[in-house]
Amino acid sequence: MNEMEVITLARAAIWMAIEISMPVMLVGLFVGLIVALFQALTQIQEMTLAFVPKIVAIFMAIYVMLPAFSIKMTEFMRMLADQIIAGGVGS
């Protein structure tokens, strides 16, 4: 295995991690913005108000996106297994 194969594999793994985490992080960002706007407008500074809606929204996003995440992970594992079988990785 040469340096280029390692870099390509690492780049693919990092990109897949970004693709999987991006929808969940965006949901957390938007819910956090909405909660912060609500807290600023109403002057309610309760910590659970900031935390609970975000964590519930993130868990819901993970639950909804889990089939897509598993498809992406399966495709990546198949690509990795094909490279191992072909002798491209680990030789």
PDB file of N, CA and C in Angstrom:
ATOM      1  N   MET A   1       0.848  -1.165   0.000  1.00  0.00           N
ATOM      2  CA  MET A   1       0.000   0.000   0.000  1.00  0.00           C
ATOM      3  C   MET A   1       0.898   1.233   0.000  1.00  0.00           C
ATOM      4  N   ASN A   2       0.724   2.064  -0.993  1.00  0.00           N
ATOM      5  CA  ASN A   2       1.565   3.261  -1.068  1.00  0.00           C
ATOM      6  C   ASN A   2       0.853   4.455  -0.425  1.00  0.00           C
ATOM      7  N   GLU A   3       1.568   5.565  -0.398  1.00  0.00           N
ATOM      8  CA  GLU A   3       1.046   6.754   0.289  1.00  0.00           C
ATOM      9  C   GLU A   3      -0.224   7.292  -0.362  1.00  0.00           C
ATOM     10  N   MET A   4      -0.291   7.203  -1.675  1.00  0.00           N
ATOM     11  CA  MET A   4      -1.459   7.747  -2.387  1.00  0.00           C
ATOM     12  C   MET A   4      -2.730   6.967  -2.035  1.00  0.00           C
ATOM     13  N   GLU A   5      -2.608   5.642  -1.913  1.00  0.00           N
ATOM     14  CA  GLU A   5      -3.775   4.837  -1.536  1.00  0.00           C
ATOM     15  C   GLU A   5      -4.236   5.156  -0.117  1.00  0.00           C
ATOM     16  N   VAL A   6      -3.286   5.372   0.780  1.00  0.00           N
ATOM     17  CA  VAL A   6      -3.635   5.721   2.161  1.00  0.00           C
ATOM     18  C   VAL A   6      -4.333   7.071   2.198  1.00  0.00           C
ATOM     19  N   ILE A   7      -3.808   8.037   1.465  1.00  0.00           N
ATOM     20  CA  ILE A   7      -4.411   9.371   1.434  1.00  0.00           C
ATOM     21  C   ILE A   7      -5.807   9.316   0.823  1.00  0.00           C
ATOM     22  N   THR A   8      -5.965   8.548  -0.247  1.00  0.00           N
ATOM     23  CA  THR A   8      -7.281   8.427  -0.890  1.00  0.00           C
ATOM     24  C   THR A   8      -8.289   7.771   0.045  1.00  0.00           C
ATOM     25  N   LEU A   9      -7.863   6.726   0.725  1.00  0.00           N
ATOM     26  CA  LEU A   9      -8.757   6.039   1.663  1.00  0.00           C
ATOM     27  C   LEU A   9      -9.112   6.931   2.849  1.00  0.00           C
ATOM     28  N   ALA A  10      -8.127   7.648   3.381  1.00  0.00           N
ATOM     29  CA  ALA A  10      -8.392   8.559   4.496  1.00  0.00           C
ATOM     30  C   ALA A  10      -9.315   9.686   4.069  1.00  0.00           C
ATOM     31  N   ARG A  11      -9.111  10.215   2.867  1.00  0.00           N
ATOM     32  CA  ARG A  11      -9.977  11.283   2.355  1.00  0.00           C
ATOM     33  C   ARG A  11     -11.412  10.787   2.200  1.00  0.00           C
ATOM     34  N   ALA A  12     -11.585   9.573   1.689  1.00  0.00           N
ATOM     35  CA  ALA A  12     -12.929   9.013   1.530  1.00  0.00           C
ATOM     36  C   ALA A  12     -13.595   8.799   2.893  1.00  0.00           C
ATOM     37  N   ALA A  13     -12.832   8.341   3.878  1.00  0.00           N
ATOM     38  CA  ALA A  13     -13.396   8.105   5.217  1.00  0.00           C
ATOM     39  C   ALA A  13     -13.788   9.418   5.882  1.00  0.00           C
ATOM     40  N   ILE A  14     -12.945  10.430   5.758  1.00  0.00           N
ATOM     41  CA  ILE A  14     -13.267  11.737   6.348  1.00  0.00           C
ATOM     42  C   ILE A  14     -14.476  12.356   5.662  1.00  0.00           C
ATOM     43  N   TRP A  15     -14.533  12.260   4.334  1.00  0.00           N
ATOM     44  CA  TRP A  15     -15.674  12.826   3.602  1.00  0.00           C
ATOM     45  C   TRP A  15     -16.969  12.114   3.980  1.00  0.00           C
ATOM     46  N   MET A  16     -16.915  10.785   4.156  1.00  0.00           N
ATOM     47  CA  MET A  16     -18.108  10.058   4.560  1.00  0.00           C
ATOM     48  C   MET A  16     -18.555  10.473   5.962  1.00  0.00           C
ATOM     49  N   ALA A  17     -17.613  10.664   6.864  1.00  0.00           N
ATOM     50  CA  ALA A  17     -17.957  11.117   8.216  1.00  0.00           C
ATOM     51  C   ALA A  17     -18.609  12.498   8.177  1.00  0.00           C
ATOM     52  N   ILE A  18     -18.118  13.363   7.315  1.00  0.00           N
ATOM     53  CA  ILE A  18     -18.716  14.697   7.169  1.00  0.00           C
ATOM     54  C   ILE A  18     -20.120  14.587   6.597  1.00  0.00           C
ATOM     55  N   GLU A  19     -20.292  13.758   5.571  1.00  0.00           N
ATOM     56  CA  GLU A  19     -21.620  13.598   4.965  1.00  0.00           C
ATOM     57  C   GLU A  19     -22.632  13.024   5.952  1.00  0.00           C
ATOM     58  N   ILE A  20     -22.186  12.139   6.817  1.00  0.00           N
ATOM     59  CA  ILE A  20     -23.101  11.533   7.786  1.00  0.00           C
ATOM     60  C   ILE A  20     -23.432  12.513   8.914  1.00  0.00           C
ATOM     61  N   SER A  21     -22.454  13.275   9.361  1.00  0.00           N
ATOM     62  CA  SER A  21     -22.701  14.156  10.508  1.00  0.00           C
ATOM     63  C   SER A  21     -23.342  15.486  10.129  1.00  0.00           C
ATOM     64  N   MET A  22     -23.217  15.897   8.868  1.00  0.00           N
ATOM     65  CA  MET A  22     -23.715  17.212   8.466  1.00  0.00           C
ATOM     66  C   MET A  22     -25.225  17.398   8.694  1.00  0.00           C
ATOM     67  N   PRO A  23     -26.097  16.477   8.283  1.00  0.00           N
ATOM     68  CA  PRO A  23     -27.536  16.710   8.519  1.00  0.00           C
ATOM     69  C   PRO A  23     -27.884  16.845   9.998  1.00  0.00           C
ATOM     70  N   VAL A  24     -27.254  16.030  10.832  1.00  0.00           N
ATOM     71  CA  VAL A  24     -27.541  16.081  12.265  1.00  0.00           C
ATOM     72  C   VAL A  24     -27.052  17.401  12.854  1.00  0.00           C
ATOM     73  N   MET A  25     -25.875  17.824  12.459  1.00  0.00           N
ATOM     74  CA  MET A  25     -25.342  19.088  12.970  1.00  0.00           C
ATOM     75  C   MET A  25     -26.168  20.283  12.491  1.00  0.00           C
ATOM     76  N   LEU A  26     -26.649  20.236  11.263  1.00  0.00           N
ATOM     77  CA  LEU A  26     -27.488  21.332  10.766  1.00  0.00           C
ATOM     78  C   LEU A  26     -28.805  21.411  11.520  1.00  0.00           C
ATOM     79  N   VAL A  27     -29.375  20.258  11.851  1.00  0.00           N
ATOM     80  CA  VAL A  27     -30.610  20.254  12.646  1.00  0.00           C
ATOM     81  C   VAL A  27     -30.332  20.886  14.012  1.00  0.00           C
ATOM     82  N   GLY A  28     -29.233  20.502  14.646  1.00  0.00           N
ATOM     83  CA  GLY A  28     -28.875  21.099  15.928  1.00  0.00           C
ATOM     84  C   GLY A  28     -28.643  22.591  15.827  1.00  0.00           C
ATOM     85  N   LEU A  29     -28.015  23.014  14.739  1.00  0.00           N
ATOM     86  CA  LEU A  29     -27.767  24.441  14.530  1.00  0.00           C
ATOM     87  C   LEU A  29     -29.071  25.218  14.391  1.00  0.00           C
ATOM     88  N   PHE A  30     -29.978  24.734  13.560  1.00  0.00           N
ATOM     89  CA  PHE A  30     -31.229  25.467  13.334  1.00  0.00           C
ATOM     90  C   PHE A  30     -32.116  25.472  14.579  1.00  0.00           C
ATOM     91  N   VAL A  31     -32.193  24.355  15.272  1.00  0.00           N
ATOM     92  CA  VAL A  31     -32.991  24.321  16.498  1.00  0.00           C
ATOM     93  C   VAL A  31     -32.366  25.235  17.552  1.00  0.00           C
ATOM     94  N   GLY A  32     -31.045  25.241  17.641  1.00  0.00           N
ATOM     95  CA  GLY A  32     -30.366  26.134  18.571  1.00  0.00           C
ATOM     96  C   GLY A  32     -30.619  27.595  18.250  1.00  0.00           C
ATOM     97  N   LEU A  33     -30.628  27.931  16.958  1.00  0.00           N
ATOM     98  CA  LEU A  33     -30.934  29.306  16.558  1.00  0.00           C
ATOM     99  C   LEU A  33     -32.353  29.699  16.939  1.00  0.00           C
ATOM    100  N   ILE A  34     -33.286  28.797  16.704  1.00  0.00           N
ATOM    101  CA  ILE A  34     -34.685  29.090  17.033  1.00  0.00           C
ATOM    102  C   ILE A  34     -34.855  29.254  18.541  1.00  0.00           C
ATOM    103  N   VAL A  35     -34.239  28.374  19.311  1.00  0.00           N
ATOM    104  CA  VAL A  35     -34.338  28.462  20.775  1.00  0.00           C
ATOM    105  C   VAL A  35     -33.671  29.735  21.277  1.00  0.00           C
ATOM    106  N   ALA A  36     -32.506  30.078  20.730  1.00  0.00           N
ATOM    107  CA  ALA A  36     -31.810  31.300  21.155  1.00  0.00           C
ATOM    108  C   ALA A  36     -32.643  32.533  20.818  1.00  0.00           C
ATOM    109  N   LEU A  37     -33.282  32.537  19.652  1.00  0.00           N
ATOM    110  CA  LEU A  37     -34.146  33.656  19.278  1.00  0.00           C
ATOM    111  C   LEU A  37     -35.339  33.745  20.228  1.00  0.00           C
ATOM    112  N   PHE A  38     -35.938  32.597  20.549  1.00  0.00           N
ATOM    113  CA  PHE A  38     -37.051  32.570  21.495  1.00  0.00           C
ATOM    114  C   PHE A  38     -36.619  33.078  22.868  1.00  0.00           C
ATOM    115  N   GLN A  39     -35.436  32.657  23.324  1.00  0.00           N
ATOM    116  CA  GLN A  39     -34.950  33.106  24.628  1.00  0.00           C
ATOM    117  C   GLN A  39     -34.647  34.605  24.613  1.00  0.00           C
ATOM    118  N   ALA A  40     -34.132  35.104  23.514  1.00  0.00           N
ATOM    119  CA  ALA A  40     -33.839  36.536  23.442  1.00  0.00           C
ATOM    120  C   ALA A  40     -35.119  37.366  23.406  1.00  0.00           C
ATOM    121  N   LEU A  41     -36.130  36.866  22.724  1.00  0.00           N
ATOM    122  CA  LEU A  41     -37.384  37.610  22.631  1.00  0.00           C
ATOM    123  C   LEU A  41     -38.174  37.586  23.939  1.00  0.00           C
ATOM    124  N   THR A  42     -38.124  36.467  24.653  1.00  0.00           N
ATOM    125  CA  THR A  42     -38.924  36.352  25.867  1.00  0.00           C
ATOM    126  C   THR A  42     -38.125  36.599  27.139  1.00  0.00           C
ATOM    127  N   GLN A  43     -36.814  36.711  27.042  1.00  0.00           N
ATOM    128  CA  GLN A  43     -35.916  36.931  28.171  1.00  0.00           C
ATOM    129  C   GLN A  43     -35.977  35.783  29.179  1.00  0.00           C
ATOM    130  N   ILE A  44     -36.303  34.591  28.695  1.00  0.00           N
ATOM    131  CA  ILE A  44     -36.276  33.391  29.528  1.00  0.00           C
ATOM    132  C   ILE A  44     -34.898  32.764  29.352  1.00  0.00           C
ATOM    133  N   GLN A  45     -34.125  32.701  30.417  1.00  0.00           N
ATOM    134  CA  GLN A  45     -32.765  32.183  30.334  1.00  0.00           C
ATOM    135  C   GLN A  45     -32.646  30.866  31.101  1.00  0.00           C
ATOM    136  N   GLU A  46     -33.458  29.928  30.769  1.00  0.00           N
ATOM    137  CA  GLU A  46     -33.444  28.618  31.411  1.00  0.00           C
ATOM    138  C   GLU A  46     -32.537  27.684  30.612  1.00  0.00           C
ATOM    139  N   MET A  47     -31.612  27.003  31.292  1.00  0.00           N
ATOM    140  CA  MET A  47     -30.657  26.141  30.603  1.00  0.00           C
ATOM    141  C   MET A  47     -31.333  24.924  29.970  1.00  0.00           C
ATOM    142  N   THR A  48     -32.346  24.379  30.645  1.00  0.00           N
ATOM    143  CA  THR A  48     -33.014  23.216  30.059  1.00  0.00           C
ATOM    144  C   THR A  48     -33.764  23.595  28.795  1.00  0.00           C
ATOM    145  N   LEU A  49     -34.201  24.826  28.692  1.00  0.00           N
ATOM    146  CA  LEU A  49     -34.873  25.285  27.479  1.00  0.00           C
ATOM    147  C   LEU A  49     -33.900  25.306  26.305  1.00  0.00           C
ATOM    148  N   ALA A  50     -32.651  25.547  26.573  1.00  0.00           N
ATOM    149  CA  ALA A  50     -31.656  25.553  25.500  1.00  0.00           C
ATOM    150  C   ALA A  50     -31.207  24.140  25.153  1.00  0.00           C
ATOM    151  N   PHE A  51     -31.185  23.245  26.116  1.00  0.00           N
ATOM    152  CA  PHE A  51     -30.614  21.922  25.905  1.00  0.00           C
ATOM    153  C   PHE A  51     -31.625  20.897  25.405  1.00  0.00           C
ATOM    154  N   VAL A  52     -32.773  20.804  26.029  1.00  0.00           N
ATOM    155  CA  VAL A  52     -33.736  19.741  25.747  1.00  0.00           C
ATOM    156  C   VAL A  52     -34.248  19.768  24.303  1.00  0.00           C
ATOM    157  N   PRO A  53     -34.682  20.897  23.752  1.00  0.00           N
ATOM    158  CA  PRO A  53     -35.162  20.867  22.360  1.00  0.00           C
ATOM    159  C   PRO A  53     -34.072  20.452  21.364  1.00  0.00           C
ATOM    160  N   LYS A  54     -32.835  20.895  21.603  1.00  0.00           N
ATOM    161  CA  LYS A  54     -31.752  20.513  20.698  1.00  0.00           C
ATOM    162  C   LYS A  54     -31.475  19.023  20.744  1.00  0.00           C
ATOM    163  N   ILE A  55     -31.410  18.455  21.926  1.00  0.00           N
ATOM    164  CA  ILE A  55     -31.097  17.031  22.034  1.00  0.00           C
ATOM    165  C   ILE A  55     -32.234  16.181  21.475  1.00  0.00           C
ATOM    166  N   VAL A  56     -33.473  16.607  21.683  1.00  0.00           N
ATOM    167  CA  VAL A  56     -34.609  15.871  21.119  1.00  0.00           C
ATOM    168  C   VAL A  56     -34.586  15.963  19.600  1.00  0.00           C
ATOM    169  N   ALA A  57     -34.318  17.139  19.050  1.00  0.00           N
ATOM    170  CA  ALA A  57     -34.266  17.306  17.597  1.00  0.00           C
ATOM    171  C   ALA A  57     -33.115  16.507  16.990  1.00  0.00           C
ATOM    172  N   ILE A  58     -31.983  16.459  17.670  1.00  0.00           N
ATOM    173  CA  ILE A  58     -30.847  15.698  17.158  1.00  0.00           C
ATOM    174  C   ILE A  58     -31.159  14.204  17.171  1.00  0.00           C
ATOM    175  N   PHE A  59     -31.769  13.704  18.250  1.00  0.00           N
ATOM    176  CA  PHE A  59     -32.140  12.292  18.288  1.00  0.00           C
ATOM    177  C   PHE A  59     -33.172  11.955  17.216  1.00  0.00           C
ATOM    178  N   MET A  60     -34.114  12.854  16.984  1.00  0.00           N
ATOM    179  CA  MET A  60     -35.104  12.627  15.918  1.00  0.00           C
ATOM    180  C   MET A  60     -34.435  12.611  14.541  1.00  0.00           C
ATOM    181  N   ALA A  61     -33.490  13.515  14.319  1.00  0.00           N
ATOM    182  CA  ALA A  61     -32.783  13.549  13.044  1.00  0.00           C
ATOM    183  C   ALA A  61     -31.982  12.270  12.827  1.00  0.00           C
ATOM    184  N   ILE A  62     -31.338  11.780  13.880  1.00  0.00           N
ATOM    185  CA  ILE A  62     -30.594  10.524  13.763  1.00  0.00           C
ATOM    186  C   ILE A  62     -31.548   9.379  13.456  1.00  0.00           C
ATOM    187  N   TYR A  63     -32.682   9.357  14.133  1.00  0.00           N
ATOM    188  CA  TYR A  63     -33.666   8.298  13.904  1.00  0.00           C
ATOM    189  C   TYR A  63     -34.181   8.321  12.472  1.00  0.00           C
ATOM    190  N   VAL A  64     -34.459   9.511  11.948  1.00  0.00           N
ATOM    191  CA  VAL A  64     -34.990   9.631  10.588  1.00  0.00           C
ATOM    192  C   VAL A  64     -33.920   9.308   9.546  1.00  0.00           C
ATOM    193  N   MET A  65     -32.695   9.749   9.785  1.00  0.00           N
ATOM    194  CA  MET A  65     -31.626   9.592   8.798  1.00  0.00           C
ATOM    195  C   MET A  65     -30.863   8.268   8.929  1.00  0.00           C
ATOM    196  N   LEU A  66     -31.185   7.441   9.922  1.00  0.00           N
ATOM    197  CA  LEU A  66     -30.439   6.206  10.138  1.00  0.00           C
ATOM    198  C   LEU A  66     -30.414   5.272   8.924  1.00  0.00           C
ATOM    199  N   PRO A  67     -31.514   5.091   8.187  1.00  0.00           N
ATOM    200  CA  PRO A  67     -31.419   4.242   6.991  1.00  0.00           C
ATOM    201  C   PRO A  67     -30.427   4.782   5.949  1.00  0.00           C
ATOM    202  N   ALA A  68     -30.420   6.086   5.742  1.00  0.00           N
ATOM    203  CA  ALA A  68     -29.470   6.662   4.789  1.00  0.00           C
ATOM    204  C   ALA A  68     -28.041   6.524   5.286  1.00  0.00           C
ATOM    205  N   PHE A  69     -27.847   6.683   6.591  1.00  0.00           N
ATOM    206  CA  PHE A  69     -26.510   6.517   7.153  1.00  0.00           C
ATOM    207  C   PHE A  69     -26.019   5.086   6.968  1.00  0.00           C
ATOM    208  N   SER A  70     -26.895   4.126   7.194  1.00  0.00           N
ATOM    209  CA  SER A  70     -26.471   2.733   7.058  1.00  0.00           C
ATOM    210  C   SER A  70     -26.170   2.380   5.607  1.00  0.00           C
ATOM    211  N   ILE A  71     -26.904   2.959   4.670  1.00  0.00           N
ATOM    212  CA  ILE A  71     -26.614   2.727   3.251  1.00  0.00           C
ATOM    213  C   ILE A  71     -25.242   3.279   2.901  1.00  0.00           C
ATOM    214  N   LYS A  72     -24.933   4.492   3.362  1.00  0.00           N
ATOM    215  CA  LYS A  72     -23.618   5.086   3.102  1.00  0.00           C
ATOM    216  C   LYS A  72     -22.496   4.255   3.711  1.00  0.00           C
ATOM    217  N   MET A  73     -22.686   3.806   4.938  1.00  0.00           N
ATOM    218  CA  MET A  73     -21.662   2.994   5.592  1.00  0.00           C
ATOM    219  C   MET A  73     -21.486   1.650   4.890  1.00  0.00           C
ATOM    220  N   THR A  74     -22.588   1.052   4.427  1.00  0.00           N
ATOM    221  CA  THR A  74     -22.503  -0.211   3.712  1.00  0.00           C
ATOM    222  C   THR A  74     -21.763  -0.042   2.385  1.00  0.00           C
ATOM    223  N   GLU A  75     -22.067   1.041   1.654  1.00  0.00           N
ATOM    224  CA  GLU A  75     -21.356   1.299   0.398  1.00  0.00           C
ATOM    225  C   GLU A  75     -19.867   1.504   0.633  1.00  0.00           C
ATOM    226  N   PHE A  76     -19.519   2.228   1.699  1.00  0.00           N
ATOM    227  CA  PHE A  76     -18.107   2.454   2.002  1.00  0.00           C
ATOM    228  C   PHE A  76     -17.415   1.142   2.364  1.00  0.00           C
ATOM    229  N   MET A  77     -18.085   0.312   3.148  1.00  0.00           N
ATOM    230  CA  MET A  77     -17.489  -0.970   3.541  1.00  0.00           C
ATOM    231  C   MET A  77     -17.321  -1.887   2.341  1.00  0.00           C
ATOM    232  N   ARG A  78     -18.285  -1.877   1.432  1.00  0.00           N
ATOM    233  CA  ARG A  78     -18.145  -2.691   0.213  1.00  0.00           C
ATOM    234  C   ARG A  78     -16.978  -2.217  -0.633  1.00  0.00           C
ATOM    235  N   MET A  79     -16.815  -0.894  -0.763  1.00  0.00           N
ATOM    236  CA  MET A  79     -15.687  -0.353  -1.514  1.00  0.00           C
ATOM    237  C   MET A  79     -14.378  -0.751  -0.860  1.00  0.00           C
ATOM    238  N   LEU A  80     -14.331  -0.679   0.457  1.00  0.00           N
ATOM    239  CA  LEU A  80     -13.126  -1.052   1.187  1.00  0.00           C
ATOM    240  C   LEU A  80     -12.840  -2.545   1.048  1.00  0.00           C
ATOM    241  N   ALA A  81     -13.868  -3.376   1.150  1.00  0.00           N
ATOM    242  CA  ALA A  81     -13.689  -4.820   0.993  1.00  0.00           C
ATOM    243  C   ALA A  81     -13.231  -5.164  -0.422  1.00  0.00           C
ATOM    244  N   ASP A  82     -13.784  -4.485  -1.424  1.00  0.00           N
ATOM    245  CA  ASP A  82     -13.348  -4.714  -2.805  1.00  0.00           C
ATOM    246  C   ASP A  82     -11.876  -4.362  -2.985  1.00  0.00           C
ATOM    247  N   GLN A  83     -11.441  -3.289  -2.361  1.00  0.00           N
ATOM    248  CA  GLN A  83     -10.023  -2.910  -2.458  1.00  0.00           C
ATOM    249  C   GLN A  83      -9.132  -3.909  -1.734  1.00  0.00           C
ATOM    250  N   ILE A  84      -9.591  -4.422  -0.610  1.00  0.00           N
ATOM    251  CA  ILE A  84      -8.805  -5.426   0.115  1.00  0.00           C
ATOM    252  C   ILE A  84      -8.692  -6.705  -0.698  1.00  0.00           C
ATOM    253  N   ILE A  85      -9.807  -7.146  -1.297  1.00  0.00           N
ATOM    254  CA  ILE A  85      -9.800  -8.361  -2.104  1.00  0.00           C
ATOM    255  C   ILE A  85      -8.911  -8.186  -3.333  1.00  0.00           C
ATOM    256  N   ALA A  86      -8.964  -7.000  -3.950  1.00  0.00           N
ATOM    257  CA  ALA A  86      -8.166  -6.753  -5.151  1.00  0.00           C
ATOM    258  C   ALA A  86      -6.689  -6.568  -4.813  1.00  0.00           C
ATOM    259  N   GLY A  87      -6.365  -6.430  -3.546  1.00  0.00           N
ATOM    260  CA  GLY A  87      -4.971  -6.263  -3.171  1.00  0.00           C
ATOM    261  C   GLY A  87      -4.536  -4.818  -3.127  1.00  0.00           C
ATOM    262  N   GLY A  88      -5.488  -3.880  -3.190  1.00  0.00           N
ATOM    263  CA  GLY A  88      -5.141  -2.470  -3.185  1.00  0.00           C
ATOM    264  C   GLY A  88      -4.869  -1.926  -1.799  1.00  0.00           C
ATOM    265  N   VAL A  89      -5.459  -2.521  -0.781  1.00  0.00           N
ATOM    266  CA  VAL A  89      -5.265  -2.045   0.578  1.00  0.00           C
ATOM    267  C   VAL A  89      -4.646  -3.178   1.395  1.00  0.00           C
ATOM    268  N   GLY A  90      -3.616  -2.870   2.118  1.00  0.00           N
ATOM    269  CA  GLY A  90      -3.009  -3.835   3.008  1.00  0.00           C
ATOM    270  C   GLY A  90      -2.010  -4.766   2.361  1.00  0.00           C
ATOM    271  N   SER A  91      -1.644  -4.555   1.105  1.00  0.00           N
ATOM    272  CA  SER A  91      -0.669  -5.427   0.467  1.00  0.00           C
ATOM    273  C   SER A  91       0.730  -4.977   0.760  1.00  0.00           C
TER     274      SER A  91
END
